[in-house]
Amino acid sequence: MTFGDFVRILFSILIPPLGVFLRVGFGLHFWLNILLTLLGYIPGLIHAIWIIASYRTREDFSYRR
């Protein structure tokens, strides 16, 4: 987990869809997180943290090599 992921998690504590948007942009995970957040803050928060912790981009893999 990088410092950027830590910042995204902090944003997610305030507004869960913001953290997901900063990680994956507008996509299925973002819209799903908005739905989960509207149904309840905790499901949206759990989903946001899971996406931030597990989603890796191509740049993340090339950085480690």
PDB file of N, CA and C in Angstrom:
ATOM      1  N   MET A   1       0.852  -1.175   0.000  1.00  0.00           N
ATOM      2  CA  MET A   1       0.000   0.000   0.000  1.00  0.00           C
ATOM      3  C   MET A   1       0.894   1.234   0.000  1.00  0.00           C
ATOM      4  N   THR A   2       0.569   2.162  -0.853  1.00  0.00           N
ATOM      5  CA  THR A   2       1.379   3.364  -0.997  1.00  0.00           C
ATOM      6  C   THR A   2       0.795   4.514  -0.193  1.00  0.00           C
ATOM      7  N   PHE A   3       1.546   5.614  -0.144  1.00  0.00           N
ATOM      8  CA  PHE A   3       1.045   6.810   0.532  1.00  0.00           C
ATOM      9  C   PHE A   3      -0.203   7.330  -0.169  1.00  0.00           C
ATOM     10  N   GLY A   4      -0.254   7.215  -1.493  1.00  0.00           N
ATOM     11  CA  GLY A   4      -1.429   7.632  -2.248  1.00  0.00           C
ATOM     12  C   GLY A   4      -2.667   6.841  -1.853  1.00  0.00           C
ATOM     13  N   ASP A   5      -2.487   5.542  -1.606  1.00  0.00           N
ATOM     14  CA  ASP A   5      -3.608   4.718  -1.139  1.00  0.00           C
ATOM     15  C   ASP A   5      -4.079   5.181   0.236  1.00  0.00           C
ATOM     16  N   PHE A   6      -3.143   5.547   1.084  1.00  0.00           N
ATOM     17  CA  PHE A   6      -3.498   6.044   2.411  1.00  0.00           C
ATOM     18  C   PHE A   6      -4.336   7.315   2.310  1.00  0.00           C
ATOM     19  N   VAL A   7      -3.951   8.221   1.424  1.00  0.00           N
ATOM     20  CA  VAL A   7      -4.708   9.457   1.222  1.00  0.00           C
ATOM     21  C   VAL A   7      -6.096   9.139   0.666  1.00  0.00           C
ATOM     22  N   ARG A   8      -6.184   8.203  -0.266  1.00  0.00           N
ATOM     23  CA  ARG A   8      -7.482   7.805  -0.819  1.00  0.00           C
ATOM     24  C   ARG A   8      -8.393   7.226   0.263  1.00  0.00           C
ATOM     25  N   ILE A   9      -7.832   6.453   1.179  1.00  0.00           N
ATOM     26  CA  ILE A   9      -8.628   5.894   2.266  1.00  0.00           C
ATOM     27  C   ILE A   9      -9.126   7.007   3.184  1.00  0.00           C
ATOM     28  N   LEU A  10      -8.299   8.005   3.439  1.00  0.00           N
ATOM     29  CA  LEU A  10      -8.753   9.138   4.250  1.00  0.00           C
ATOM     30  C   LEU A  10      -9.908   9.867   3.570  1.00  0.00           C
ATOM     31  N   PHE A  11      -9.811  10.077   2.250  1.00  0.00           N
ATOM     32  CA  PHE A  11     -10.918  10.689   1.511  1.00  0.00           C
ATOM     33  C   PHE A  11     -12.158   9.801   1.572  1.00  0.00           C
ATOM     34  N   SER A  12     -11.945   8.488   1.542  1.00  0.00           N
ATOM     35  CA  SER A  12     -13.072   7.554   1.576  1.00  0.00           C
ATOM     36  C   SER A  12     -13.796   7.582   2.901  1.00  0.00           C
ATOM     37  N   ILE A  13     -13.090   7.880   3.975  1.00  0.00           N
ATOM     38  CA  ILE A  13     -13.752   7.969   5.272  1.00  0.00           C
ATOM     39  C   ILE A  13     -14.734   9.129   5.262  1.00  0.00           C
ATOM     40  N   LEU A  14     -14.377  10.218   4.593  1.00  0.00           N
ATOM     41  CA  LEU A  14     -15.277  11.368   4.502  1.00  0.00           C
ATOM     42  C   LEU A  14     -16.392  11.126   3.490  1.00  0.00           C
ATOM     43  N   ILE A  15     -16.007  10.743   2.264  1.00  0.00           N
ATOM     44  CA  ILE A  15     -16.964  10.522   1.174  1.00  0.00           C
ATOM     45  C   ILE A  15     -16.495   9.269   0.415  1.00  0.00           C
ATOM     46  N   PRO A  16     -17.085   8.109   0.689  1.00  0.00           N
ATOM     47  CA  PRO A  16     -16.598   6.873   0.072  1.00  0.00           C
ATOM     48  C   PRO A  16     -16.478   6.900  -1.460  1.00  0.00           C
ATOM     49  N   PRO A  17     -17.443   7.457  -2.213  1.00  0.00           N
ATOM     50  CA  PRO A  17     -17.271   7.442  -3.665  1.00  0.00           C
ATOM     51  C   PRO A  17     -16.073   8.274  -4.152  1.00  0.00           C
ATOM     52  N   LEU A  18     -15.663   9.262  -3.391  1.00  0.00           N
ATOM     53  CA  LEU A  18     -14.509  10.075  -3.796  1.00  0.00           C
ATOM     54  C   LEU A  18     -13.237   9.236  -3.820  1.00  0.00           C
ATOM     55  N   GLY A  19     -13.037   8.425  -2.813  1.00  0.00           N
ATOM     56  CA  GLY A  19     -11.859   7.562  -2.788  1.00  0.00           C
ATOM     57  C   GLY A  19     -11.845   6.568  -3.931  1.00  0.00           C
ATOM     58  N   VAL A  20     -13.006   6.011  -4.247  1.00  0.00           N
ATOM     59  CA  VAL A  20     -13.101   5.064  -5.368  1.00  0.00           C
ATOM     60  C   VAL A  20     -12.845   5.790  -6.681  1.00  0.00           C
ATOM     61  N   PHE A  21     -13.400   6.978  -6.833  1.00  0.00           N
ATOM     62  CA  PHE A  21     -13.181   7.751  -8.058  1.00  0.00           C
ATOM     63  C   PHE A  21     -11.696   8.063  -8.245  1.00  0.00           C
ATOM     64  N   LEU A  22     -11.007   8.424  -7.186  1.00  0.00           N
ATOM     65  CA  LEU A  22      -9.584   8.734  -7.293  1.00  0.00           C
ATOM     66  C   LEU A  22      -8.765   7.505  -7.668  1.00  0.00           C
ATOM     67  N   ARG A  23      -9.266   6.318  -7.375  1.00  0.00           N
ATOM     68  CA  ARG A  23      -8.538   5.087  -7.707  1.00  0.00           C
ATOM     69  C   ARG A  23      -8.882   4.551  -9.093  1.00  0.00           C
ATOM     70  N   VAL A  24     -10.188   4.505  -9.437  1.00  0.00           N
ATOM     71  CA  VAL A  24     -10.578   3.842 -10.686  1.00  0.00           C
ATOM     72  C   VAL A  24     -11.277   4.761 -11.682  1.00  0.00           C
ATOM     73  N   GLY A  25     -11.616   5.986 -11.282  1.00  0.00           N
ATOM     74  CA  GLY A  25     -12.315   6.887 -12.195  1.00  0.00           C
ATOM     75  C   GLY A  25     -13.785   6.514 -12.299  1.00  0.00           C
ATOM     76  N   PHE A  26     -14.440   7.065 -13.338  1.00  0.00           N
ATOM     77  CA  PHE A  26     -15.848   6.744 -13.562  1.00  0.00           C
ATOM     78  C   PHE A  26     -15.936   5.360 -14.188  1.00  0.00           C
ATOM     79  N   GLY A  27     -16.545   4.463 -13.497  1.00  0.00           N
ATOM     80  CA  GLY A  27     -16.683   3.100 -13.995  1.00  0.00           C
ATOM     81  C   GLY A  27     -17.667   2.347 -13.126  1.00  0.00           C
ATOM     82  N   LEU A  28     -17.717   1.056 -13.318  1.00  0.00           N
ATOM     83  CA  LEU A  28     -18.655   0.217 -12.589  1.00  0.00           C
ATOM     84  C   LEU A  28     -18.454   0.318 -11.079  1.00  0.00           C
ATOM     85  N   HIS A  29     -17.210   0.266 -10.621  1.00  0.00           N
ATOM     86  CA  HIS A  29     -16.952   0.311  -9.189  1.00  0.00           C
ATOM     87  C   HIS A  29     -17.387   1.640  -8.575  1.00  0.00           C
ATOM     88  N   PHE A  30     -17.210   2.724  -9.304  1.00  0.00           N
ATOM     89  CA  PHE A  30     -17.629   4.037  -8.811  1.00  0.00           C
ATOM     90  C   PHE A  30     -19.140   4.086  -8.620  1.00  0.00           C
ATOM     91  N   TRP A  31     -19.885   3.677  -9.634  1.00  0.00           N
ATOM     92  CA  TRP A  31     -21.350   3.724  -9.557  1.00  0.00           C
ATOM     93  C   TRP A  31     -21.885   2.741  -8.527  1.00  0.00           C
ATOM     94  N   LEU A  32     -21.257   1.588  -8.417  1.00  0.00           N
ATOM     95  CA  LEU A  32     -21.650   0.628  -7.391  1.00  0.00           C
ATOM     96  C   LEU A  32     -21.422   1.212  -6.001  1.00  0.00           C
ATOM     97  N   ASN A  33     -20.323   1.929  -5.835  1.00  0.00           N
ATOM     98  CA  ASN A  33     -20.048   2.531  -4.543  1.00  0.00           C
ATOM     99  C   ASN A  33     -21.049   3.630  -4.199  1.00  0.00           C
ATOM    100  N   ILE A  34     -21.473   4.398  -5.193  1.00  0.00           N
ATOM    101  CA  ILE A  34     -22.501   5.404  -4.933  1.00  0.00           C
ATOM    102  C   ILE A  34     -23.788   4.727  -4.465  1.00  0.00           C
ATOM    103  N   LEU A  35     -24.165   3.647  -5.124  1.00  0.00           N
ATOM    104  CA  LEU A  35     -25.371   2.913  -4.727  1.00  0.00           C
ATOM    105  C   LEU A  35     -25.238   2.370  -3.305  1.00  0.00           C
ATOM    106  N   LEU A  36     -24.104   1.759  -2.998  1.00  0.00           N
ATOM    107  CA  LEU A  36     -23.891   1.216  -1.660  1.00  0.00           C
ATOM    108  C   LEU A  36     -23.884   2.314  -0.609  1.00  0.00           C
ATOM    109  N   THR A  37     -23.308   3.462  -0.931  1.00  0.00           N
ATOM    110  CA  THR A  37     -23.277   4.571   0.019  1.00  0.00           C
ATOM    111  C   THR A  37     -24.675   5.121   0.254  1.00  0.00           C
ATOM    112  N   LEU A  38     -25.497   5.168  -0.790  1.00  0.00           N
ATOM    113  CA  LEU A  38     -26.870   5.626  -0.611  1.00  0.00           C
ATOM    114  C   LEU A  38     -27.685   4.649   0.240  1.00  0.00           C
ATOM    115  N   LEU A  39     -27.366   3.358   0.133  1.00  0.00           N
ATOM    116  CA  LEU A  39     -28.058   2.359   0.938  1.00  0.00           C
ATOM    117  C   LEU A  39     -27.577   2.368   2.386  1.00  0.00           C
ATOM    118  N   GLY A  40     -26.389   2.875   2.608  1.00  0.00           N
ATOM    119  CA  GLY A  40     -25.834   2.955   3.957  1.00  0.00           C
ATOM    120  C   GLY A  40     -24.370   3.334   3.883  1.00  0.00           C
ATOM    121  N   TYR A  41     -23.950   4.155   4.795  1.00  0.00           N
ATOM    122  CA  TYR A  41     -22.566   4.647   4.783  1.00  0.00           C
ATOM    123  C   TYR A  41     -21.554   3.512   4.941  1.00  0.00           C
ATOM    124  N   ILE A  42     -21.814   2.588   5.849  1.00  0.00           N
ATOM    125  CA  ILE A  42     -20.857   1.520   6.141  1.00  0.00           C
ATOM    126  C   ILE A  42     -20.614   0.609   4.938  1.00  0.00           C
ATOM    127  N   PRO A  43     -21.649   0.140   4.216  1.00  0.00           N
ATOM    128  CA  PRO A  43     -21.358  -0.679   3.027  1.00  0.00           C
ATOM    129  C   PRO A  43     -20.531   0.078   1.980  1.00  0.00           C
ATOM    130  N   GLY A  44     -20.812   1.351   1.789  1.00  0.00           N
ATOM    131  CA  GLY A  44     -20.031   2.151   0.847  1.00  0.00           C
ATOM    132  C   GLY A  44     -18.593   2.300   1.298  1.00  0.00           C
ATOM    133  N   LEU A  45     -18.390   2.488   2.588  1.00  0.00           N
ATOM    134  CA  LEU A  45     -17.034   2.631   3.131  1.00  0.00           C
ATOM    135  C   LEU A  45     -16.246   1.333   2.995  1.00  0.00           C
ATOM    136  N   ILE A  46     -16.877   0.215   3.313  1.00  0.00           N
ATOM    137  CA  ILE A  46     -16.191  -1.077   3.191  1.00  0.00           C
ATOM    138  C   ILE A  46     -15.814  -1.344   1.736  1.00  0.00           C
ATOM    139  N   HIS A  47     -16.729  -1.090   0.823  1.00  0.00           N
ATOM    140  CA  HIS A  47     -16.442  -1.297  -0.592  1.00  0.00           C
ATOM    141  C   HIS A  47     -15.310  -0.383  -1.056  1.00  0.00           C
ATOM    142  N   ALA A  48     -15.313   0.871  -0.625  1.00  0.00           N
ATOM    143  CA  ALA A  48     -14.275   1.821  -1.032  1.00  0.00           C
ATOM    144  C   ALA A  48     -12.902   1.365  -0.557  1.00  0.00           C
ATOM    145  N   ILE A  49     -12.808   0.953   0.684  1.00  0.00           N
ATOM    146  CA  ILE A  49     -11.512   0.509   1.214  1.00  0.00           C
ATOM    147  C   ILE A  49     -11.062  -0.765   0.510  1.00  0.00           C
ATOM    148  N   TRP A  50     -12.002  -1.664   0.215  1.00  0.00           N
ATOM    149  CA  TRP A  50     -11.644  -2.889  -0.488  1.00  0.00           C
ATOM    150  C   TRP A  50     -11.116  -2.585  -1.896  1.00  0.00           C
ATOM    151  N   ILE A  51     -11.775  -1.679  -2.609  1.00  0.00           N
ATOM    152  CA  ILE A  51     -11.334  -1.313  -3.956  1.00  0.00           C
ATOM    153  C   ILE A  51      -9.961  -0.655  -3.917  1.00  0.00           C
ATOM    154  N   ILE A  52      -9.761   0.262  -2.997  1.00  0.00           N
ATOM    155  CA  ILE A  52      -8.479   0.967  -2.913  1.00  0.00           C
ATOM    156  C   ILE A  52      -7.351  -0.001  -2.564  1.00  0.00           C
ATOM    157  N   ALA A  53      -7.606  -0.919  -1.656  1.00  0.00           N
ATOM    158  CA  ALA A  53      -6.557  -1.850  -1.227  1.00  0.00           C
ATOM    159  C   ALA A  53      -6.267  -2.935  -2.257  1.00  0.00           C
ATOM    160  N   SER A  54      -7.260  -3.339  -3.040  1.00  0.00           N
ATOM    161  CA  SER A  54      -7.050  -4.480  -3.935  1.00  0.00           C
ATOM    162  C   SER A  54      -6.833  -4.106  -5.390  1.00  0.00           C
ATOM    163  N   TYR A  55      -7.276  -2.949  -5.830  1.00  0.00           N
ATOM    164  CA  TYR A  55      -7.187  -2.590  -7.240  1.00  0.00           C
ATOM    165  C   TYR A  55      -5.790  -2.085  -7.565  1.00  0.00           C
ATOM    166  N   ARG A  56      -5.176  -2.663  -8.558  1.00  0.00           N
ATOM    167  CA  ARG A  56      -3.839  -2.258  -8.976  1.00  0.00           C
ATOM    168  C   ARG A  56      -3.867  -1.861 -10.442  1.00  0.00           C
ATOM    169  N   THR A  57      -3.171  -0.801 -10.765  1.00  0.00           N
ATOM    170  CA  THR A  57      -3.095  -0.337 -12.145  1.00  0.00           C
ATOM    171  C   THR A  57      -1.822  -0.872 -12.789  1.00  0.00           C
ATOM    172  N   ARG A  58      -1.704  -0.667 -14.065  1.00  0.00           N
ATOM    173  CA  ARG A  58      -0.515  -1.095 -14.793  1.00  0.00           C
ATOM    174  C   ARG A  58       0.733  -0.380 -14.272  1.00  0.00           C
ATOM    175  N   GLU A  59       0.582   0.887 -13.885  1.00  0.00           N
ATOM    176  CA  GLU A  59       1.716   1.644 -13.365  1.00  0.00           C
ATOM    177  C   GLU A  59       2.214   1.060 -12.045  1.00  0.00           C
ATOM    178  N   ASP A  60       1.305   0.538 -11.233  1.00  0.00           N
ATOM    179  CA  ASP A  60       1.700  -0.067  -9.966  1.00  0.00           C
ATOM    180  C   ASP A  60       2.605  -1.271 -10.206  1.00  0.00           C
ATOM    181  N   PHE A  61       2.291  -2.074 -11.194  1.00  0.00           N
ATOM    182  CA  PHE A  61       3.096  -3.261 -11.467  1.00  0.00           C
ATOM    183  C   PHE A  61       4.438  -2.888 -12.082  1.00  0.00           C
ATOM    184  N   SER A  62       4.481  -1.879 -12.937  1.00  0.00           N
ATOM    185  CA  SER A  62       5.738  -1.495 -13.556  1.00  0.00           C
ATOM    186  C   SER A  62       6.658  -0.802 -12.565  1.00  0.00           C
ATOM    187  N   TYR A  63       6.105  -0.184 -11.529  1.00  0.00           N
ATOM    188  CA  TYR A  63       6.919   0.498 -10.521  1.00  0.00           C
ATOM    189  C   TYR A  63       7.712  -0.510  -9.695  1.00  0.00           C
ATOM    190  N   ARG A  64       7.155  -1.674  -9.456  1.00  0.00           N
ATOM    191  CA  ARG A  64       7.802  -2.667  -8.590  1.00  0.00           C
ATOM    192  C   ARG A  64       8.927  -3.410  -9.290  1.00  0.00           C
ATOM    193  N   ARG A  65       9.000  -3.349 -10.588  1.00  0.00           N
ATOM    194  CA  ARG A  65      10.036  -4.122 -11.308  1.00  0.00           C
ATOM    195  C   ARG A  65      11.345  -3.431 -11.304  1.00  0.00           C
TER     196      ARG A  65
END
